[in-house]
């Protein structure tokens, strides 16, 4: 009598991180504040997070408690394929997440990338190797449509758009939506707008309330329920090298970003 063959054991595929860009072509709308606090908020609710700083100013790096001037390897080296993400990332002990940092060197990558093959796909290829290490990859994009921003958009499943509730912000949003449509059509079929996040919101200002209602009427469920208030503690946090949700967890701004992080986790579950 032959022995029964042992059952075949299949190893499940490791879960892949969801990659999101925080982008808006308008400057001063809280992109970096949103990136840093979303990363820290997600870490606080138990997610494994990598923050990628694609802005040569390196503010997201500094806001995570990492000195951009002391980086041995950065996202610049990754884009030029001189180093891997695993070699270049650092741990933000204050935030509880990993950081692929940036500094002024990154400004030179714009020029150097122009002549290279796959110049808009460099980040995507580099991140693919480490996506099993994380639940979320959050990319802070510079406030312009550059090769750096394009690398971010080509890497992402979706775009988070932080915006103030002002009429000029609505005009900038139209440009961004058109850019995302073009990237979706030509370079990255996965790309979509995940949601619009209302930031620096002051409910006492009638105009902001009106623009907020217009956003909800036009974009519906694409507008996040979480609203980030104008908050002094969030503005102070970067000078201490800390995300706002860590610097003053009890502040209104920190609580709002924590609520936003929970909402992001739920949205990703719905996308799966």
C-alpha atoms as a PDB file:
ATOM      1  CA  UNK A   1       0.000   0.000   0.000  1.00  0.00           C
ATOM      2  CA  UNK A   2       1.586   3.271  -1.111  1.00  0.00           C
ATOM      3  CA  UNK A   3       1.880   6.124   1.306  1.00  0.00           C
ATOM      4  CA  UNK A   4      -0.345   9.112   0.649  1.00  0.00           C
ATOM      5  CA  UNK A   5       1.556  11.958  -0.895  1.00  0.00           C
ATOM      6  CA  UNK A   6       2.034  14.903   1.430  1.00  0.00           C
ATOM      7  CA  UNK A   7      -0.203  17.865   0.636  1.00  0.00           C
ATOM      8  CA  UNK A   8       1.337  20.587  -1.478  1.00  0.00           C
ATOM      9  CA  UNK A   9       2.147  23.634   0.604  1.00  0.00           C
ATOM     10  CA  UNK A  10       1.914  26.926  -1.247  1.00  0.00           C
ATOM     11  CA  UNK A  11       3.644  29.942   0.190  1.00  0.00           C
ATOM     12  CA  UNK A  12       1.443  33.032  -0.123  1.00  0.00           C
ATOM     13  CA  UNK A  13       2.866  35.935  -2.072  1.00  0.00           C
ATOM     14  CA  UNK A  14       4.108  38.685   0.261  1.00  0.00           C
ATOM     15  CA  UNK A  15       1.774  41.655   0.418  1.00  0.00           C
ATOM     16  CA  UNK A  16       2.930  44.560  -1.716  1.00  0.00           C
ATOM     17  CA  UNK A  17       2.982  48.121  -0.433  1.00  0.00           C
ATOM     18  CA  UNK A  18       0.557  50.683  -1.765  1.00  0.00           C
ATOM     19  CA  UNK A  19       2.502  53.621  -3.197  1.00  0.00           C
ATOM     20  CA  UNK A  20       1.040  57.131  -2.984  1.00  0.00           C
ATOM     21  CA  UNK A  21       2.331  60.519  -4.154  1.00  0.00           C
ATOM     22  CA  UNK A  22       1.468  63.653  -2.230  1.00  0.00           C
ATOM     23  CA  UNK A  23       1.368  66.188  -5.052  1.00  0.00           C
ATOM     24  CA  UNK A  24       0.113  69.622  -5.971  1.00  0.00           C
ATOM     25  CA  UNK A  25       1.721  71.925  -8.525  1.00  0.00           C
ATOM     26  CA  UNK A  26       0.848  74.902  -6.325  1.00  0.00           C
ATOM     27  CA  UNK A  27       3.453  75.661  -3.656  1.00  0.00           C
ATOM     28  CA  UNK A  28       2.762  76.302   0.012  1.00  0.00           C
ATOM     29  CA  UNK A  29      -0.249  74.001   0.324  1.00  0.00           C
ATOM     30  CA  UNK A  30       1.147  71.712   3.014  1.00  0.00           C
ATOM     31  CA  UNK A  31       2.458  68.825   0.898  1.00  0.00           C
ATOM     32  CA  UNK A  32       5.450  68.113   3.114  1.00  0.00           C
ATOM     33  CA  UNK A  33       3.465  68.590   6.321  1.00  0.00           C
ATOM     34  CA  UNK A  34       0.916  66.110   4.974  1.00  0.00           C
ATOM     35  CA  UNK A  35       3.567  63.602   3.861  1.00  0.00           C
ATOM     36  CA  UNK A  36       5.416  63.600   7.179  1.00  0.00           C
ATOM     37  CA  UNK A  37       2.309  63.485   9.356  1.00  0.00           C
ATOM     38  CA  UNK A  38       0.590  60.854   7.231  1.00  0.00           C
ATOM     39  CA  UNK A  39       3.712  58.657   7.474  1.00  0.00           C
ATOM     40  CA  UNK A  40       3.880  59.123  11.254  1.00  0.00           C
ATOM     41  CA  UNK A  41       0.117  58.667  11.611  1.00  0.00           C
ATOM     42  CA  UNK A  42       0.185  55.416   9.632  1.00  0.00           C
ATOM     43  CA  UNK A  43       3.091  54.188  11.772  1.00  0.00           C
ATOM     44  CA  UNK A  44       1.078  55.005  14.907  1.00  0.00           C
ATOM     45  CA  UNK A  45      -1.809  52.815  13.706  1.00  0.00           C
ATOM     46  CA  UNK A  46       0.515  49.879  13.091  1.00  0.00           C
ATOM     47  CA  UNK A  47       1.499  50.241   9.421  1.00  0.00           C
ATOM     48  CA  UNK A  48       4.991  49.711   7.983  1.00  0.00           C
ATOM     49  CA  UNK A  49       5.868  52.908   6.127  1.00  0.00           C
ATOM     50  CA  UNK A  50       8.582  54.220   3.811  1.00  0.00           C
ATOM     51  CA  UNK A  51       8.661  57.979   3.182  1.00  0.00           C
ATOM     52  CA  UNK A  52      10.411  59.007  -0.051  1.00  0.00           C
ATOM     53  CA  UNK A  53      11.561  62.635  -0.199  1.00  0.00           C
ATOM     54  CA  UNK A  54      11.667  63.758  -3.849  1.00  0.00           C
ATOM     55  CA  UNK A  55      12.082  67.462  -3.098  1.00  0.00           C
ATOM     56  CA  UNK A  56      15.668  68.852  -3.272  1.00  0.00           C
ATOM     57  CA  UNK A  57      14.825  71.103  -0.310  1.00  0.00           C
ATOM     58  CA  UNK A  58      14.821  67.962   1.851  1.00  0.00           C
ATOM     59  CA  UNK A  59      12.160  69.305   4.219  1.00  0.00           C
ATOM     60  CA  UNK A  60      10.436  65.935   4.677  1.00  0.00           C
ATOM     61  CA  UNK A  61      13.826  64.443   5.575  1.00  0.00           C
ATOM     62  CA  UNK A  62      14.520  67.126   8.187  1.00  0.00           C
ATOM     63  CA  UNK A  63      10.933  67.002   9.476  1.00  0.00           C
ATOM     64  CA  UNK A  64      11.453  63.287  10.149  1.00  0.00           C
ATOM     65  CA  UNK A  65      14.423  64.023  12.421  1.00  0.00           C
ATOM     66  CA  UNK A  66      17.129  63.116   9.879  1.00  0.00           C
ATOM     67  CA  UNK A  67      19.899  65.600   9.037  1.00  0.00           C
ATOM     68  CA  UNK A  68      19.888  65.995   5.242  1.00  0.00           C
ATOM     69  CA  UNK A  69      23.460  67.368   5.338  1.00  0.00           C
ATOM     70  CA  UNK A  70      24.741  64.131   6.864  1.00  0.00           C
ATOM     71  CA  UNK A  71      23.222  61.710   4.341  1.00  0.00           C
ATOM     72  CA  UNK A  72      25.788  59.291   2.941  1.00  0.00           C
ATOM     73  CA  UNK A  73      23.311  57.955   0.394  1.00  0.00           C
ATOM     74  CA  UNK A  74      20.061  59.565  -0.726  1.00  0.00           C
ATOM     75  CA  UNK A  75      17.276  59.301  -3.279  1.00  0.00           C
ATOM     76  CA  UNK A  76      19.710  60.989  -5.696  1.00  0.00           C
ATOM     77  CA  UNK A  77      21.951  57.890  -5.624  1.00  0.00           C
ATOM     78  CA  UNK A  78      18.905  55.643  -6.088  1.00  0.00           C
ATOM     79  CA  UNK A  79      17.666  57.559  -9.152  1.00  0.00           C
ATOM     80  CA  UNK A  80      21.113  57.352 -10.756  1.00  0.00           C
ATOM     81  CA  UNK A  81      21.243  53.627  -9.859  1.00  0.00           C
ATOM     82  CA  UNK A  82      24.403  54.109  -7.809  1.00  0.00           C
ATOM     83  CA  UNK A  83      22.699  52.613  -4.725  1.00  0.00           C
ATOM     84  CA  UNK A  84      19.580  50.633  -3.795  1.00  0.00           C
ATOM     85  CA  UNK A  85      16.687  51.750  -1.605  1.00  0.00           C
ATOM     86  CA  UNK A  86      17.736  49.182   1.009  1.00  0.00           C
ATOM     87  CA  UNK A  87      21.223  50.709   1.149  1.00  0.00           C
ATOM     88  CA  UNK A  88      19.996  54.322   1.202  1.00  0.00           C
ATOM     89  CA  UNK A  89      17.000  54.301   3.558  1.00  0.00           C
ATOM     90  CA  UNK A  90      17.283  55.394   7.171  1.00  0.00           C
ATOM     91  CA  UNK A  91      15.070  54.897  10.197  1.00  0.00           C
ATOM     92  CA  UNK A  92      13.179  57.872  11.593  1.00  0.00           C
ATOM     93  CA  UNK A  93      13.239  56.948  15.259  1.00  0.00           C
ATOM     94  CA  UNK A  94      10.986  59.878  16.168  1.00  0.00           C
ATOM     95  CA  UNK A  95       8.413  59.003  13.499  1.00  0.00           C
ATOM     96  CA  UNK A  96       8.552  55.222  13.526  1.00  0.00           C
ATOM     97  CA  UNK A  97       9.007  54.859   9.760  1.00  0.00           C
ATOM     98  CA  UNK A  98      11.817  54.558   7.198  1.00  0.00           C
ATOM     99  CA  UNK A  99      13.002  57.506   5.094  1.00  0.00           C
ATOM    100  CA  UNK A 100      14.648  57.648   1.679  1.00  0.00           C
ATOM    101  CA  UNK A 101      16.074  61.115   2.188  1.00  0.00           C
ATOM    102  CA  UNK A 102      16.912  64.037  -0.085  1.00  0.00           C
ATOM    103  CA  UNK A 103      19.227  67.027  -0.079  1.00  0.00           C
ATOM    104  CA  UNK A 104      20.505  69.666  -2.536  1.00  0.00           C
ATOM    105  CA  UNK A 105      22.292  67.005  -4.606  1.00  0.00           C
ATOM    106  CA  UNK A 106      18.873  66.014  -5.904  1.00  0.00           C
ATOM    107  CA  UNK A 107      18.574  69.264  -7.861  1.00  0.00           C
ATOM    108  CA  UNK A 108      21.401  67.997 -10.074  1.00  0.00           C
ATOM    109  CA  UNK A 109      19.503  64.791 -10.833  1.00  0.00           C
ATOM    110  CA  UNK A 110      17.098  66.795 -13.014  1.00  0.00           C
ATOM    111  CA  UNK A 111      19.876  67.556 -15.491  1.00  0.00           C
ATOM    112  CA  UNK A 112      21.594  64.178 -15.221  1.00  0.00           C
ATOM    113  CA  UNK A 113      18.414  62.159 -15.768  1.00  0.00           C
ATOM    114  CA  UNK A 114      17.533  63.887 -19.049  1.00  0.00           C
ATOM    115  CA  UNK A 115      20.013  61.858 -21.105  1.00  0.00           C
ATOM    116  CA  UNK A 116      19.448  58.511 -19.355  1.00  0.00           C
ATOM    117  CA  UNK A 117      17.287  55.545 -20.378  1.00  0.00           C
ATOM    118  CA  UNK A 118      14.022  55.005 -18.451  1.00  0.00           C
ATOM    119  CA  UNK A 119      14.510  58.428 -16.920  1.00  0.00           C
ATOM    120  CA  UNK A 120      10.902  58.594 -15.678  1.00  0.00           C
ATOM    121  CA  UNK A 121      10.856  54.976 -14.394  1.00  0.00           C
ATOM    122  CA  UNK A 122      13.995  54.970 -12.206  1.00  0.00           C
ATOM    123  CA  UNK A 123      12.166  55.290  -8.879  1.00  0.00           C
ATOM    124  CA  UNK A 124       9.518  52.737  -9.839  1.00  0.00           C
ATOM    125  CA  UNK A 125      12.144  50.095 -10.561  1.00  0.00           C
ATOM    126  CA  UNK A 126      14.026  50.825  -7.334  1.00  0.00           C
ATOM    127  CA  UNK A 127      10.900  50.666  -5.144  1.00  0.00           C
ATOM    128  CA  UNK A 128       9.712  47.397  -6.686  1.00  0.00           C
ATOM    129  CA  UNK A 129      12.530  45.580  -4.842  1.00  0.00           C
ATOM    130  CA  UNK A 130      11.370  46.715  -1.379  1.00  0.00           C
ATOM    131  CA  UNK A 131       7.561  46.896  -1.661  1.00  0.00           C
ATOM    132  CA  UNK A 132       7.175  43.657   0.316  1.00  0.00           C
ATOM    133  CA  UNK A 133       8.883  45.383   3.275  1.00  0.00           C
ATOM    134  CA  UNK A 134       6.096  47.963   3.663  1.00  0.00           C
ATOM    135  CA  UNK A 135       2.350  48.516   3.782  1.00  0.00           C
ATOM    136  CA  UNK A 136       2.621  52.098   2.506  1.00  0.00           C
ATOM    137  CA  UNK A 137       5.165  54.097   0.515  1.00  0.00           C
ATOM    138  CA  UNK A 138       4.458  57.845   0.701  1.00  0.00           C
ATOM    139  CA  UNK A 139       6.282  60.118  -1.777  1.00  0.00           C
ATOM    140  CA  UNK A 140       6.708  63.855  -1.194  1.00  0.00           C
ATOM    141  CA  UNK A 141       6.833  65.555  -4.621  1.00  0.00           C
ATOM    142  CA  UNK A 142       8.285  68.993  -5.411  1.00  0.00           C
ATOM    143  CA  UNK A 143       5.820  71.790  -6.333  1.00  0.00           C
ATOM    144  CA  UNK A 144       6.366  71.558 -10.092  1.00  0.00           C
ATOM    145  CA  UNK A 145       5.898  69.083 -12.905  1.00  0.00           C
ATOM    146  CA  UNK A 146       9.536  68.035 -13.217  1.00  0.00           C
ATOM    147  CA  UNK A 147      11.327  64.761 -13.943  1.00  0.00           C
ATOM    148  CA  UNK A 148      11.381  64.194 -10.179  1.00  0.00           C
ATOM    149  CA  UNK A 149       7.600  64.573  -9.901  1.00  0.00           C
ATOM    150  CA  UNK A 150       7.203  62.386 -12.989  1.00  0.00           C
ATOM    151  CA  UNK A 151       9.266  59.649 -11.318  1.00  0.00           C
ATOM    152  CA  UNK A 152       6.928  59.841  -8.341  1.00  0.00           C
ATOM    153  CA  UNK A 153       3.769  59.709 -10.469  1.00  0.00           C
ATOM    154  CA  UNK A 154       5.110  56.787 -12.518  1.00  0.00           C
ATOM    155  CA  UNK A 155       5.790  54.845  -9.287  1.00  0.00           C
ATOM    156  CA  UNK A 156       2.436  55.404  -7.602  1.00  0.00           C
ATOM    157  CA  UNK A 157      -0.919  53.680  -7.408  1.00  0.00           C
ATOM    158  CA  UNK A 158      -2.518  56.989  -6.604  1.00  0.00           C
ATOM    159  CA  UNK A 159      -2.177  60.670  -5.791  1.00  0.00           C
ATOM    160  CA  UNK A 160      -3.184  62.424  -2.584  1.00  0.00           C
ATOM    161  CA  UNK A 161      -3.830  66.108  -3.259  1.00  0.00           C
ATOM    162  CA  UNK A 162      -3.591  68.450  -0.247  1.00  0.00           C
ATOM    163  CA  UNK A 163      -5.264  71.756  -0.973  1.00  0.00           C
ATOM    164  CA  UNK A 164      -6.477  74.900   0.688  1.00  0.00           C
ATOM    165  CA  UNK A 165     -10.080  75.884   0.171  1.00  0.00           C
ATOM    166  CA  UNK A 166      -9.388  78.968  -1.942  1.00  0.00           C
ATOM    167  CA  UNK A 167     -10.396  79.818  -5.506  1.00  0.00           C
ATOM    168  CA  UNK A 168      -6.822  79.946  -6.810  1.00  0.00           C
ATOM    169  CA  UNK A 169      -6.358  76.434  -5.441  1.00  0.00           C
ATOM    170  CA  UNK A 170      -9.253  75.249  -7.622  1.00  0.00           C
ATOM    171  CA  UNK A 171      -7.503  76.561 -10.728  1.00  0.00           C
ATOM    172  CA  UNK A 172      -4.301  74.734  -9.810  1.00  0.00           C
ATOM    173  CA  UNK A 173      -6.298  71.563  -9.206  1.00  0.00           C
ATOM    174  CA  UNK A 174      -7.536  71.586 -12.811  1.00  0.00           C
ATOM    175  CA  UNK A 175      -3.925  71.615 -14.067  1.00  0.00           C
ATOM    176  CA  UNK A 176      -2.971  68.773 -11.737  1.00  0.00           C
ATOM    177  CA  UNK A 177      -5.941  66.621 -12.786  1.00  0.00           C
ATOM    178  CA  UNK A 178      -4.960  67.077 -16.446  1.00  0.00           C
ATOM    179  CA  UNK A 179      -1.352  66.100 -15.656  1.00  0.00           C
ATOM    180  CA  UNK A 180      -2.498  62.953 -13.835  1.00  0.00           C
ATOM    181  CA  UNK A 181      -4.727  62.011 -16.790  1.00  0.00           C
ATOM    182  CA  UNK A 182      -1.780  62.350 -19.180  1.00  0.00           C
ATOM    183  CA  UNK A 183       0.510  60.236 -16.987  1.00  0.00           C
ATOM    184  CA  UNK A 184      -2.261  57.647 -16.595  1.00  0.00           C
ATOM    185  CA  UNK A 185      -2.785  57.461 -20.374  1.00  0.00           C
ATOM    186  CA  UNK A 186       0.868  57.350 -21.410  1.00  0.00           C
ATOM    187  CA  UNK A 187       3.084  56.127 -18.563  1.00  0.00           C
ATOM    188  CA  UNK A 188       1.268  54.536 -15.615  1.00  0.00           C
ATOM    189  CA  UNK A 189      -2.117  52.856 -16.053  1.00  0.00           C
ATOM    190  CA  UNK A 190      -2.409  52.315 -12.271  1.00  0.00           C
ATOM    191  CA  UNK A 191      -2.387  56.029 -11.480  1.00  0.00           C
ATOM    192  CA  UNK A 192      -5.550  57.663 -10.147  1.00  0.00           C
ATOM    193  CA  UNK A 193      -6.525  60.421  -7.754  1.00  0.00           C
ATOM    194  CA  UNK A 194      -7.091  58.732  -4.413  1.00  0.00           C
ATOM    195  CA  UNK A 195      -8.478  61.789  -2.740  1.00  0.00           C
ATOM    196  CA  UNK A 196      -8.401  65.512  -2.014  1.00  0.00           C
ATOM    197  CA  UNK A 197      -7.368  66.532   1.493  1.00  0.00           C
ATOM    198  CA  UNK A 198      -8.564  69.891   2.781  1.00  0.00           C
ATOM    199  CA  UNK A 199      -5.700  71.483   4.739  1.00  0.00           C
ATOM    200  CA  UNK A 200      -5.142  74.716   6.707  1.00  0.00           C
ATOM    201  CA  UNK A 201      -8.919  74.866   7.025  1.00  0.00           C
ATOM    202  CA  UNK A 202     -10.597  77.602   9.056  1.00  0.00           C
ATOM    203  CA  UNK A 203     -14.378  77.037   9.316  1.00  0.00           C
ATOM    204  CA  UNK A 204     -14.897  80.663  10.415  1.00  0.00           C
ATOM    205  CA  UNK A 205     -14.026  81.897   6.909  1.00  0.00           C
ATOM    206  CA  UNK A 206     -17.127  81.787   4.716  1.00  0.00           C
ATOM    207  CA  UNK A 207     -15.124  81.544   1.490  1.00  0.00           C
ATOM    208  CA  UNK A 208     -13.362  78.400   2.705  1.00  0.00           C
ATOM    209  CA  UNK A 209     -16.692  76.806   3.587  1.00  0.00           C
ATOM    210  CA  UNK A 210     -18.036  77.634   0.107  1.00  0.00           C
ATOM    211  CA  UNK A 211     -15.009  76.177  -1.689  1.00  0.00           C
ATOM    212  CA  UNK A 212     -15.175  73.092   0.533  1.00  0.00           C
ATOM    213  CA  UNK A 213     -18.806  72.549  -0.479  1.00  0.00           C
ATOM    214  CA  UNK A 214     -17.886  73.030  -4.157  1.00  0.00           C
ATOM    215  CA  UNK A 215     -15.177  70.384  -3.840  1.00  0.00           C
ATOM    216  CA  UNK A 216     -17.588  67.892  -2.287  1.00  0.00           C
ATOM    217  CA  UNK A 217     -20.244  68.640  -4.908  1.00  0.00           C
ATOM    218  CA  UNK A 218     -17.805  68.172  -7.804  1.00  0.00           C
ATOM    219  CA  UNK A 219     -15.535  65.355  -6.551  1.00  0.00           C
ATOM    220  CA  UNK A 220     -17.912  63.530  -4.181  1.00  0.00           C
ATOM    221  CA  UNK A 221     -16.277  60.600  -2.373  1.00  0.00           C
ATOM    222  CA  UNK A 222     -12.844  61.644  -3.693  1.00  0.00           C
ATOM    223  CA  UNK A 223     -12.815  64.315  -0.965  1.00  0.00           C
ATOM    224  CA  UNK A 224     -11.472  62.828   2.267  1.00  0.00           C
ATOM    225  CA  UNK A 225     -13.740  63.097   5.317  1.00  0.00           C
ATOM    226  CA  UNK A 226     -10.746  64.180   7.417  1.00  0.00           C
ATOM    227  CA  UNK A 227     -10.130  67.935   7.437  1.00  0.00           C
ATOM    228  CA  UNK A 228      -6.818  69.383   8.663  1.00  0.00           C
ATOM    229  CA  UNK A 229      -7.322  72.642  10.598  1.00  0.00           C
ATOM    230  CA  UNK A 230      -4.938  75.580  10.576  1.00  0.00           C
ATOM    231  CA  UNK A 231      -2.814  74.717  13.599  1.00  0.00           C
ATOM    232  CA  UNK A 232       0.214  76.429  15.157  1.00  0.00           C
ATOM    233  CA  UNK A 233       1.600  73.203  16.654  1.00  0.00           C
ATOM    234  CA  UNK A 234       1.810  71.579  13.210  1.00  0.00           C
ATOM    235  CA  UNK A 235       3.771  74.601  11.975  1.00  0.00           C
ATOM    236  CA  UNK A 236       6.170  74.477  14.944  1.00  0.00           C
ATOM    237  CA  UNK A 237       6.931  70.747  14.741  1.00  0.00           C
ATOM    238  CA  UNK A 238       9.444  70.764  11.809  1.00  0.00           C
ATOM    239  CA  UNK A 239      11.803  73.125  13.644  1.00  0.00           C
ATOM    240  CA  UNK A 240      12.111  70.401  16.294  1.00  0.00           C
ATOM    241  CA  UNK A 241      12.700  67.687  13.670  1.00  0.00           C
ATOM    242  CA  UNK A 242       9.462  65.931  14.546  1.00  0.00           C
ATOM    243  CA  UNK A 243       6.161  65.174  12.817  1.00  0.00           C
ATOM    244  CA  UNK A 244       3.261  67.090  14.350  1.00  0.00           C
ATOM    245  CA  UNK A 245       1.527  63.870  15.444  1.00  0.00           C
ATOM    246  CA  UNK A 246       4.599  63.101  17.583  1.00  0.00           C
ATOM    247  CA  UNK A 247       5.492  66.659  18.646  1.00  0.00           C
ATOM    248  CA  UNK A 248       2.079  67.368  20.188  1.00  0.00           C
ATOM    249  CA  UNK A 249      -0.229  64.341  19.847  1.00  0.00           C
ATOM    250  CA  UNK A 250      -3.068  66.096  21.665  1.00  0.00           C
ATOM    251  CA  UNK A 251      -3.202  69.094  19.291  1.00  0.00           C
ATOM    252  CA  UNK A 252      -6.125  69.485  16.897  1.00  0.00           C
ATOM    253  CA  UNK A 253      -3.829  69.203  13.888  1.00  0.00           C
ATOM    254  CA  UNK A 254      -2.224  65.983  15.129  1.00  0.00           C
ATOM    255  CA  UNK A 255      -5.605  64.430  15.878  1.00  0.00           C
ATOM    256  CA  UNK A 256      -6.824  65.354  12.390  1.00  0.00           C
ATOM    257  CA  UNK A 257      -3.799  63.742  10.698  1.00  0.00           C
ATOM    258  CA  UNK A 258      -4.263  60.599  12.796  1.00  0.00           C
ATOM    259  CA  UNK A 259      -7.878  60.463  11.634  1.00  0.00           C
ATOM    260  CA  UNK A 260      -6.650  60.910   8.054  1.00  0.00           C
ATOM    261  CA  UNK A 261      -4.200  58.005   8.478  1.00  0.00           C
ATOM    262  CA  UNK A 262      -7.032  55.741   9.639  1.00  0.00           C
ATOM    263  CA  UNK A 263      -9.124  56.854   6.670  1.00  0.00           C
ATOM    264  CA  UNK A 264      -6.243  56.006   4.296  1.00  0.00           C
ATOM    265  CA  UNK A 265      -6.019  52.488   5.731  1.00  0.00           C
ATOM    266  CA  UNK A 266      -9.757  52.021   5.109  1.00  0.00           C
ATOM    267  CA  UNK A 267      -9.505  53.357   1.528  1.00  0.00           C
ATOM    268  CA  UNK A 268      -6.699  50.922   0.749  1.00  0.00           C
ATOM    269  CA  UNK A 269      -8.826  48.037   2.048  1.00  0.00           C
ATOM    270  CA  UNK A 270     -11.584  49.107  -0.342  1.00  0.00           C
ATOM    271  CA  UNK A 271      -9.102  49.265  -3.232  1.00  0.00           C
ATOM    272  CA  UNK A 272      -7.896  45.693  -2.622  1.00  0.00           C
END
